[in-house]
Amino acid sequence: MAGVPDMEGRVHIGVIAAAHKIRDVEIHSSRHIDACRVLVGKPVDQALAILPRLFSICGSAQAVAGSMAREALSGLQPTPQQSAARQISLSLETVQEHFGRLLIDWPRLYDGAGPDLPSLARVHTYLRATRDALGSIPSAHAKSAGGVKINAAALANAVEQLETLMSDVLLGMRSEEWLGIDDCAQLRGWYRSTHNVATMAFRRLEQNDIAEFGRCDMQLMPQIDAREFDQLLSGSSAWQIAARPYWRGKVYETGPLARQARWPLISDLRRRYGNGLIVRMAARFVELVCAIHDLPAQIAGLQVAAQQEAPRPSEQYIANGAGVGVVEAARGRLAHRLEVEQGVIRDYRILAPTEWNFHPEGPLVYGLRGLRFGELAELRQRIGMLVSALDPCVAHEITINGAA
């Protein structure tokens, strides 16, 4: 969008190596964590309409977080149907990010091959059809516009096509059968006996003995309520925290692993591999399969919610003229805080998941520091694998200083 800075920027990963060991890792980010300042001074409706265009990634999550923050500020709550439609929108974005990046990154990182462009095109086609059938999602401030208008038949058909594509391209079976895999042995049996882009990646981890690559003592992000996000994102240190976040003195990992840690398969993998590469990959894969598998139930819930008028209790928090909205984006926990004065944005601050995972004291740095390695080219490839497992959408560059 003209006049709007690139919010995403790049993460620069500097590795200092000597004698086949990583001595240190330095993270420098050119991400514009203050890009949301362009919204200050704009009418609220205009500012929230800009949000999805301001961000090149996770635009739906940004829009939902912004709407939730505004609703918290004004004391309004979305209807059950609006809440259900938002959850479907977030699920579709999770599918888009996980499925798309898997088809692009996993062949390149694990097999040296090009992306699976035909399958990627089909993913985009089916997701577009699903969104078209879902229609627009009004906020609680637009109740006069009516409820969510859906094309139920087209929606069901598009979701079934997504399920079939995933079964054919990634699973080799229906999603409900794959979700029955609940331990390391069953996962190993699946990826050894099935041949596709996903199983190839898991086999490479086993063959190269790097399932634990990136393992470190990093806590997964717990539940943090909106009141505490309000405190993090207000005051004179808010921009510094948005750039290098911490909560109660600690840095956390956010994203699929934090959300799926209690899934049976992930729990079993964690017992053996901690938060190593295979665990993070499997958590993202589980989340993708669950997201597509659960869409029919979410659509059914949307249709039931259309008959309900009373809004559900809000989990958002309002204090000192500020509204806070918190959502789980595909990449991790996302928080928006806004202040409004006479219908105009007075202040807007965002805490994005990338700043947690690529914190100078975060999981990437701790997962690499002190590791021993063989060849430099091999190290560069494996760092790329770890970056992809943590956040496949972040633009990054890797420099390695020193000799093997």
Protein backbone atom coordinates (compact mmCIF):
# COMPACT_ATOMS: atom_id res chain seq x y z
CA MET A 1 0.00 0.00 0.00
CA ALA A 2 1.47 3.37 -0.99
CA GLY A 3 2.87 5.35 1.90
CA VAL A 4 2.81 2.43 4.32
CA PRO A 5 6.11 0.88 5.47
CA ASP A 6 6.77 -2.84 5.09
CA MET A 7 5.74 -4.14 8.49
CA GLU A 8 7.42 -7.49 8.06
CA GLY A 9 11.01 -6.41 7.41
CA ARG A 10 13.76 -8.99 7.84
CA VAL A 11 15.49 -10.85 10.64
CA HIS A 12 19.28 -11.02 10.32
CA ILE A 13 20.81 -14.06 12.02
CA GLY A 14 24.54 -13.74 12.62
CA VAL A 15 26.32 -16.93 13.67
CA ILE A 16 29.83 -16.81 15.11
CA ALA A 17 31.52 -20.20 14.68
CA ALA A 18 34.92 -21.70 15.39
CA ALA A 19 36.31 -25.22 15.67
CA HIS A 20 33.05 -26.80 14.53
CA LYS A 21 31.07 -25.11 17.29
CA ILE A 22 28.62 -22.20 17.36
CA ARG A 23 30.15 -19.73 19.79
CA ASP A 24 27.41 -17.13 19.66
CA VAL A 25 24.32 -16.02 17.76
CA GLU A 26 23.30 -12.41 17.18
CA ILE A 27 19.83 -11.35 16.07
CA HIS A 28 19.25 -8.02 14.36
CA SER A 29 15.83 -7.13 13.05
CA SER A 30 14.78 -4.56 10.47
CA ARG A 31 11.12 -5.27 11.20
CA HIS A 32 9.06 -2.11 11.62
CA ILE A 33 7.45 -2.91 14.95
CA ASP A 34 6.15 0.68 15.03
CA ALA A 35 4.53 0.56 11.57
CA CYS A 36 1.13 0.69 13.26
CA ARG A 37 1.88 4.32 14.08
CA VAL A 38 0.60 5.16 10.60
CA LEU A 39 -2.87 4.46 12.04
CA VAL A 40 -2.59 7.23 14.64
CA GLY A 41 -4.79 10.20 13.77
CA LYS A 42 -7.07 8.19 11.49
CA PRO A 43 -10.77 7.52 12.14
CA VAL A 44 -11.22 4.13 13.77
CA ASP A 45 -13.17 2.59 10.87
CA GLN A 46 -10.54 3.70 8.37
CA ALA A 47 -7.67 2.48 10.56
CA LEU A 48 -9.15 -0.99 11.04
CA ALA A 49 -9.87 -1.27 7.32
CA ILE A 50 -6.18 -0.58 6.65
CA LEU A 51 -4.91 -3.28 9.03
CA PRO A 52 -5.15 -6.30 6.68
CA ARG A 53 -3.33 -4.33 3.97
CA LEU A 54 -0.68 -3.04 6.32
CA PHE A 55 0.52 -6.56 7.04
CA SER A 56 1.63 -8.90 4.28
CA ILE A 57 1.28 -11.96 6.54
CA CYS A 58 -1.51 -12.99 8.92
CA GLY A 59 -3.76 -10.16 7.75
CA SER A 60 -6.91 -11.90 9.00
CA ALA A 61 -5.47 -12.32 12.49
CA GLN A 62 -4.42 -8.67 12.52
CA ALA A 63 -7.92 -7.60 11.48
CA VAL A 64 -9.57 -9.78 14.14
CA ALA A 65 -7.23 -8.56 16.89
CA GLY A 66 -7.92 -4.96 15.90
CA SER A 67 -11.68 -5.49 15.91
CA MET A 68 -11.53 -7.23 19.28
CA ALA A 69 -9.50 -4.36 20.74
CA ARG A 70 -12.03 -1.84 19.48
CA GLU A 71 -14.93 -3.88 20.82
CA ALA A 72 -13.24 -4.15 24.21
CA LEU A 73 -12.75 -0.40 24.25
CA SER A 74 -16.40 0.32 23.50
CA GLY A 75 -17.81 -2.50 25.64
CA LEU A 76 -19.46 -4.21 22.66
CA GLN A 77 -19.27 -7.94 22.08
CA PRO A 78 -19.59 -9.86 18.82
CA THR A 79 -22.56 -12.17 18.39
CA PRO A 80 -21.96 -15.92 18.60
CA GLN A 81 -22.22 -16.07 14.82
CA GLN A 82 -19.61 -13.35 14.38
CA SER A 83 -17.28 -15.09 16.83
CA ALA A 84 -17.73 -18.42 15.04
CA ALA A 85 -17.08 -16.84 11.65
CA ARG A 86 -13.94 -15.17 12.96
CA GLN A 87 -12.64 -18.50 14.22
CA ILE A 88 -13.18 -20.04 10.78
CA SER A 89 -11.35 -17.10 9.22
CA LEU A 90 -8.40 -17.64 11.57
CA SER A 91 -8.43 -21.38 10.82
CA LEU A 92 -8.35 -20.71 7.08
CA GLU A 93 -5.39 -18.38 7.53
CA THR A 94 -3.60 -21.05 9.59
CA VAL A 95 -4.21 -23.55 6.77
CA GLN A 96 -2.93 -21.05 4.21
CA GLU A 97 0.27 -20.29 6.14
CA HIS A 98 1.09 -23.87 7.24
CA PHE A 99 0.07 -25.69 4.04
CA GLY A 100 1.59 -23.09 1.73
CA ARG A 101 4.93 -22.84 3.50
CA LEU A 102 5.17 -26.61 3.83
CA LEU A 103 4.78 -27.03 0.06
CA ILE A 104 7.39 -24.32 -0.55
CA ASP A 105 9.96 -24.82 2.21
CA TRP A 106 10.02 -28.53 2.99
CA PRO A 107 11.06 -29.67 -0.53
CA ARG A 108 13.80 -27.01 -0.64
CA LEU A 109 15.14 -27.57 2.87
CA TYR A 110 14.92 -31.34 3.08
CA ASP A 111 15.33 -32.54 -0.51
CA GLY A 112 16.86 -29.65 -2.44
CA ALA A 113 13.81 -29.62 -4.71
CA GLY A 114 11.57 -26.86 -5.97
CA PRO A 115 8.18 -26.06 -4.46
CA ASP A 116 5.11 -28.13 -5.27
CA LEU A 117 3.49 -25.37 -7.31
CA PRO A 118 0.51 -27.37 -8.68
CA SER A 119 -0.60 -28.36 -5.18
CA LEU A 120 0.06 -24.84 -3.92
CA ALA A 121 -2.20 -23.43 -6.63
CA ARG A 122 -4.95 -25.84 -5.61
CA VAL A 123 -4.62 -24.83 -1.95
CA HIS A 124 -5.08 -21.19 -2.92
CA THR A 125 -8.04 -22.02 -5.15
CA TYR A 126 -9.87 -23.99 -2.46
CA LEU A 127 -9.15 -21.40 0.22
CA ARG A 128 -10.44 -18.63 -2.04
CA ALA A 129 -13.60 -20.62 -2.67
CA THR A 130 -14.02 -21.20 1.07
CA ARG A 131 -13.64 -17.51 1.87
CA ASP A 132 -16.03 -16.52 -0.91
CA ALA A 133 -18.63 -18.94 0.43
CA LEU A 134 -18.11 -17.65 3.97
CA GLY A 135 -18.62 -14.04 2.98
CA SER A 136 -17.67 -10.94 4.94
CA ILE A 137 -17.58 -10.92 8.73
CA PRO A 138 -19.05 -7.75 10.26
CA SER A 139 -17.73 -6.49 13.57
CA ALA A 140 -19.88 -5.87 16.62
CA HIS A 141 -19.99 -2.23 15.51
CA ALA A 142 -21.73 -3.23 12.26
CA LYS A 143 -24.74 -5.09 13.62
CA SER A 144 -27.02 -3.07 11.42
CA ALA A 145 -25.42 -4.79 8.44
CA GLY A 146 -26.90 -8.10 9.52
CA GLY A 147 -25.27 -11.42 10.27
CA VAL A 148 -22.73 -13.46 8.38
CA LYS A 149 -24.03 -14.48 4.95
CA ILE A 150 -22.77 -17.90 3.91
CA ASN A 151 -23.22 -20.22 0.96
CA ALA A 152 -23.40 -23.48 2.92
CA ALA A 153 -23.20 -25.84 -0.07
CA ALA A 154 -20.22 -24.06 -1.63
CA LEU A 155 -18.52 -23.86 1.75
CA ALA A 156 -18.88 -27.59 2.40
CA ASN A 157 -17.63 -28.44 -1.09
CA ALA A 158 -14.54 -26.24 -0.83
CA VAL A 159 -13.65 -27.67 2.58
CA GLU A 160 -14.03 -31.23 1.30
CA GLN A 161 -11.67 -30.40 -1.58
CA LEU A 162 -9.10 -29.13 0.93
CA GLU A 163 -9.41 -32.33 2.95
CA THR A 164 -9.00 -34.49 -0.17
CA LEU A 165 -5.96 -32.52 -1.32
CA MET A 166 -4.30 -32.83 2.07
CA SER A 167 -5.04 -36.55 2.19
CA ASP A 168 -3.59 -37.08 -1.28
CA VAL A 169 -0.54 -34.81 -1.06
CA LEU A 170 0.53 -35.01 2.61
CA LEU A 171 -1.09 -37.84 4.52
CA GLY A 172 -1.77 -40.83 2.31
CA MET A 173 -4.96 -41.33 4.34
CA ARG A 174 -7.93 -39.35 5.65
CA SER A 175 -7.23 -36.81 8.35
CA GLU A 176 -9.21 -38.64 11.05
CA GLU A 177 -7.01 -41.70 10.52
CA TRP A 178 -3.77 -39.71 10.62
CA LEU A 179 -4.84 -37.93 13.79
CA GLY A 180 -4.91 -41.35 15.45
CA ILE A 181 -1.10 -41.39 15.32
CA ASP A 182 -0.24 -40.67 18.93
CA ASP A 183 3.35 -41.74 19.58
CA CYS A 184 6.85 -41.73 18.08
CA ALA A 185 6.67 -45.32 16.85
CA GLN A 186 3.45 -44.75 14.92
CA LEU A 187 4.79 -41.52 13.42
CA ARG A 188 7.93 -43.35 12.32
CA GLY A 189 5.84 -46.13 10.78
CA TRP A 190 3.86 -43.54 8.82
CA TYR A 191 6.76 -41.57 7.39
CA ARG A 192 8.76 -44.70 6.54
CA SER A 193 5.88 -46.32 4.65
CA THR A 194 4.35 -43.29 2.91
CA HIS A 195 6.09 -41.25 0.22
CA ASN A 196 5.29 -37.56 -0.19
CA VAL A 197 6.77 -34.12 0.54
CA ALA A 198 5.98 -34.35 4.27
CA THR A 199 7.22 -37.87 4.95
CA MET A 200 10.38 -37.14 2.98
CA ALA A 201 11.18 -34.31 5.40
CA PHE A 202 10.65 -36.47 8.48
CA ARG A 203 12.81 -39.24 6.97
CA ARG A 204 15.62 -36.75 6.36
CA LEU A 205 15.60 -35.81 10.04
CA GLU A 206 16.00 -39.46 10.96
CA GLN A 207 18.64 -40.21 8.33
CA ASN A 208 20.74 -37.17 9.27
CA ASP A 209 20.25 -37.67 13.00
CA ILE A 210 19.03 -34.10 13.58
CA ALA A 211 15.67 -34.68 15.22
CA GLU A 212 16.96 -32.84 18.33
CA PHE A 213 18.57 -29.98 16.41
CA GLY A 214 17.75 -26.68 18.12
CA ARG A 215 16.73 -28.27 21.40
CA CYS A 216 16.99 -25.88 24.34
CA ASP A 217 15.51 -25.01 27.72
CA MET A 218 12.93 -22.50 26.56
CA GLN A 219 9.52 -22.34 28.17
CA LEU A 220 6.41 -22.37 26.02
CA MET A 221 4.15 -19.35 26.25
CA PRO A 222 1.51 -19.73 28.97
CA GLN A 223 -1.87 -18.07 29.04
CA ILE A 224 -1.40 -14.32 29.47
CA ASP A 225 -4.60 -12.38 29.97
CA ALA A 226 -5.46 -9.15 28.21
CA ARG A 227 -4.95 -7.13 31.40
CA GLU A 228 -1.26 -8.06 31.40
CA PHE A 229 -0.88 -7.38 27.68
CA ASP A 230 -2.33 -3.94 28.39
CA GLN A 231 0.39 -3.38 30.97
CA LEU A 232 3.11 -4.61 28.60
CA LEU A 233 1.96 -2.35 25.77
CA SER A 234 1.36 0.85 27.74
CA GLY A 235 3.84 3.27 29.18
CA SER A 236 7.20 4.61 28.10
CA SER A 237 8.83 1.18 27.64
CA ALA A 238 6.07 -0.26 25.42
CA TRP A 239 7.97 0.07 22.13
CA GLN A 240 11.05 -1.58 23.60
CA ILE A 241 8.90 -4.46 24.85
CA ALA A 242 7.20 -4.75 21.45
CA ALA A 243 10.67 -5.14 19.91
CA ARG A 244 12.11 -7.45 22.59
CA PRO A 245 9.19 -8.80 24.62
CA TYR A 246 9.26 -10.51 27.95
CA TRP A 247 6.65 -11.37 30.56
CA ARG A 248 7.46 -11.49 34.24
CA GLY A 249 11.13 -11.35 33.38
CA LYS A 250 11.11 -14.28 30.93
CA VAL A 251 11.08 -14.82 27.17
CA TYR A 252 8.81 -17.55 25.79
CA GLU A 253 8.31 -19.54 22.60
CA THR A 254 4.97 -19.02 20.94
CA GLY A 255 3.28 -20.72 17.99
CA PRO A 256 2.18 -24.25 17.06
CA LEU A 257 4.36 -26.04 19.62
CA ALA A 258 3.01 -23.92 22.47
CA ARG A 259 -0.56 -24.60 21.29
CA GLN A 260 -0.15 -28.31 20.52
CA ALA A 261 2.17 -29.29 23.39
CA ARG A 262 -0.48 -31.50 25.01
CA TRP A 263 -1.51 -33.29 21.82
CA PRO A 264 -0.67 -37.00 22.41
CA LEU A 265 1.83 -37.28 19.57
CA ILE A 266 3.57 -34.03 20.50
CA SER A 267 3.67 -34.98 24.18
CA ASP A 268 5.40 -38.26 23.29
CA LEU A 269 7.86 -36.52 20.97
CA ARG A 270 8.68 -33.95 23.65
CA ARG A 271 9.53 -36.67 26.14
CA ARG A 272 12.20 -37.93 23.77
CA TYR A 273 13.33 -34.86 21.80
CA GLY A 274 12.39 -31.88 24.00
CA ASN A 275 11.63 -28.98 21.68
CA GLY A 276 13.99 -30.17 18.94
CA LEU A 277 13.43 -29.76 15.23
CA ILE A 278 11.21 -32.81 14.76
CA VAL A 279 8.90 -31.71 17.59
CA ARG A 280 8.39 -28.24 16.17
CA MET A 281 7.83 -29.65 12.68
CA ALA A 282 5.35 -32.21 13.95
CA ALA A 283 3.46 -29.59 15.98
CA ARG A 284 2.98 -27.42 12.89
CA PHE A 285 1.91 -30.48 10.90
CA VAL A 286 -0.57 -31.58 13.58
CA GLU A 287 -2.01 -28.08 13.64
CA LEU A 288 -2.50 -28.09 9.88
CA VAL A 289 -4.25 -31.47 9.89
CA CYS A 290 -6.46 -30.45 12.83
CA ALA A 291 -7.35 -27.13 11.21
CA ILE A 292 -8.66 -28.77 8.03
CA HIS A 293 -10.23 -31.72 9.87
CA ASP A 294 -12.13 -29.39 12.22
CA LEU A 295 -13.52 -27.05 9.56
CA PRO A 296 -16.78 -29.02 8.98
CA ALA A 297 -17.55 -28.89 12.71
CA GLN A 298 -16.75 -25.18 12.79
CA ILE A 299 -19.10 -24.59 9.86
CA ALA A 300 -21.85 -26.53 11.63
CA GLY A 301 -21.23 -24.42 14.72
CA LEU A 302 -21.51 -21.27 12.63
CA GLN A 303 -24.93 -22.31 11.41
CA VAL A 304 -26.07 -23.10 14.96
CA ALA A 305 -24.67 -19.78 16.22
CA ALA A 306 -26.82 -17.94 13.68
CA GLN A 307 -29.82 -18.87 15.83
CA GLN A 308 -28.25 -17.40 18.99
CA GLU A 309 -28.61 -13.74 19.77
CA ALA A 310 -26.94 -13.37 23.17
CA PRO A 311 -23.19 -12.68 22.82
CA ARG A 312 -20.73 -14.87 24.66
CA PRO A 313 -18.82 -13.40 27.61
CA SER A 314 -15.95 -11.27 26.39
CA GLU A 315 -12.38 -12.21 27.34
CA GLN A 316 -11.09 -8.79 26.39
CA TYR A 317 -9.99 -6.16 28.85
CA ILE A 318 -10.48 -2.41 28.90
CA ALA A 319 -8.68 0.05 31.15
CA ASN A 320 -7.65 3.71 31.04
CA GLY A 321 -9.36 4.29 27.73
CA ALA A 322 -7.55 1.44 25.99
CA GLY A 323 -8.87 -1.72 24.37
CA VAL A 324 -6.84 -4.90 24.00
CA GLY A 325 -7.43 -7.79 21.58
CA VAL A 326 -5.44 -11.04 21.73
CA VAL A 327 -5.63 -13.84 19.14
CA GLU A 328 -3.66 -16.93 18.17
CA ALA A 329 -2.30 -16.20 14.71
CA ALA A 330 -0.70 -18.96 12.63
CA ARG A 331 2.73 -17.81 13.82
CA GLY A 332 1.81 -17.40 17.49
CA ARG A 333 0.22 -15.08 20.06
CA LEU A 334 -0.68 -11.65 18.67
CA ALA A 335 -1.79 -8.70 20.81
CA HIS A 336 -3.20 -5.32 19.74
CA ARG A 337 -3.72 -2.33 22.02
CA LEU A 338 -5.46 0.82 20.85
CA GLU A 339 -6.58 4.10 22.34
CA VAL A 340 -9.30 6.20 20.76
CA GLU A 341 -10.26 9.81 21.34
CA GLN A 342 -13.40 11.25 19.75
CA GLY A 343 -13.50 8.49 17.17
CA VAL A 344 -9.85 8.91 16.13
CA ILE A 345 -6.91 6.62 16.91
CA ARG A 346 -4.75 8.24 19.61
CA ASP A 347 -2.33 5.34 20.05
CA TYR A 348 -1.87 1.89 18.49
CA ARG A 349 0.62 -0.78 19.56
CA ILE A 350 1.14 -4.36 18.45
CA LEU A 351 3.11 -7.23 19.96
CA ALA A 352 3.75 -9.82 17.24
CA PRO A 353 4.82 -13.47 17.68
CA THR A 354 7.99 -13.09 15.61
CA GLU A 355 9.53 -10.85 18.28
CA TRP A 356 9.18 -13.65 20.84
CA ASN A 357 10.66 -16.45 18.73
CA PHE A 358 13.49 -14.34 17.28
CA HIS A 359 14.30 -12.53 20.50
CA PRO A 360 18.05 -12.18 21.27
CA GLU A 361 17.35 -14.41 24.26
CA GLY A 362 14.71 -16.52 22.52
CA PRO A 363 14.39 -20.09 21.24
CA LEU A 364 16.36 -19.64 18.02
CA VAL A 365 19.41 -18.19 19.78
CA TYR A 366 19.30 -20.63 22.69
CA GLY A 367 18.69 -23.53 20.32
CA LEU A 368 21.81 -22.74 18.28
CA ARG A 369 24.32 -21.41 20.79
CA GLY A 370 26.91 -24.04 21.71
CA LEU A 371 25.93 -26.57 19.02
CA ARG A 372 28.64 -28.59 17.31
CA PHE A 373 28.47 -29.04 13.53
CA GLY A 374 30.28 -30.47 10.53
CA GLU A 375 30.42 -28.47 7.30
CA LEU A 376 29.39 -24.80 7.10
CA ALA A 377 26.99 -25.46 4.21
CA GLU A 378 25.31 -28.16 6.27
CA LEU A 379 25.04 -25.79 9.24
CA ARG A 380 23.44 -23.08 7.11
CA GLN A 381 20.84 -25.54 5.81
CA ARG A 382 20.00 -26.75 9.31
CA ILE A 383 19.64 -23.22 10.64
CA GLY A 384 17.19 -22.64 7.79
CA MET A 385 15.26 -25.71 8.92
CA LEU A 386 15.05 -24.37 12.47
CA VAL A 387 13.94 -20.93 11.30
CA SER A 388 11.23 -22.57 9.18
CA ALA A 389 10.08 -24.69 12.10
CA LEU A 390 9.78 -21.63 14.34
CA ASP A 391 8.31 -19.19 11.82
CA PRO A 392 8.33 -20.19 8.14
CA CYS A 393 6.92 -16.82 7.07
CA VAL A 394 9.60 -14.53 8.46
CA ALA A 395 11.98 -13.04 5.90
CA HIS A 396 15.49 -13.75 7.10
CA GLU A 397 19.12 -13.95 6.13
CA ILE A 398 21.86 -16.01 7.71
CA THR A 399 25.51 -15.02 7.92
CA ILE A 400 28.18 -17.28 9.41
CA ASN A 401 31.40 -15.66 10.59
CA GLY A 402 34.36 -17.87 11.29
CA ALA A 403 35.55 -21.23 10.06
CA ALA A 404 34.35 -24.78 10.61
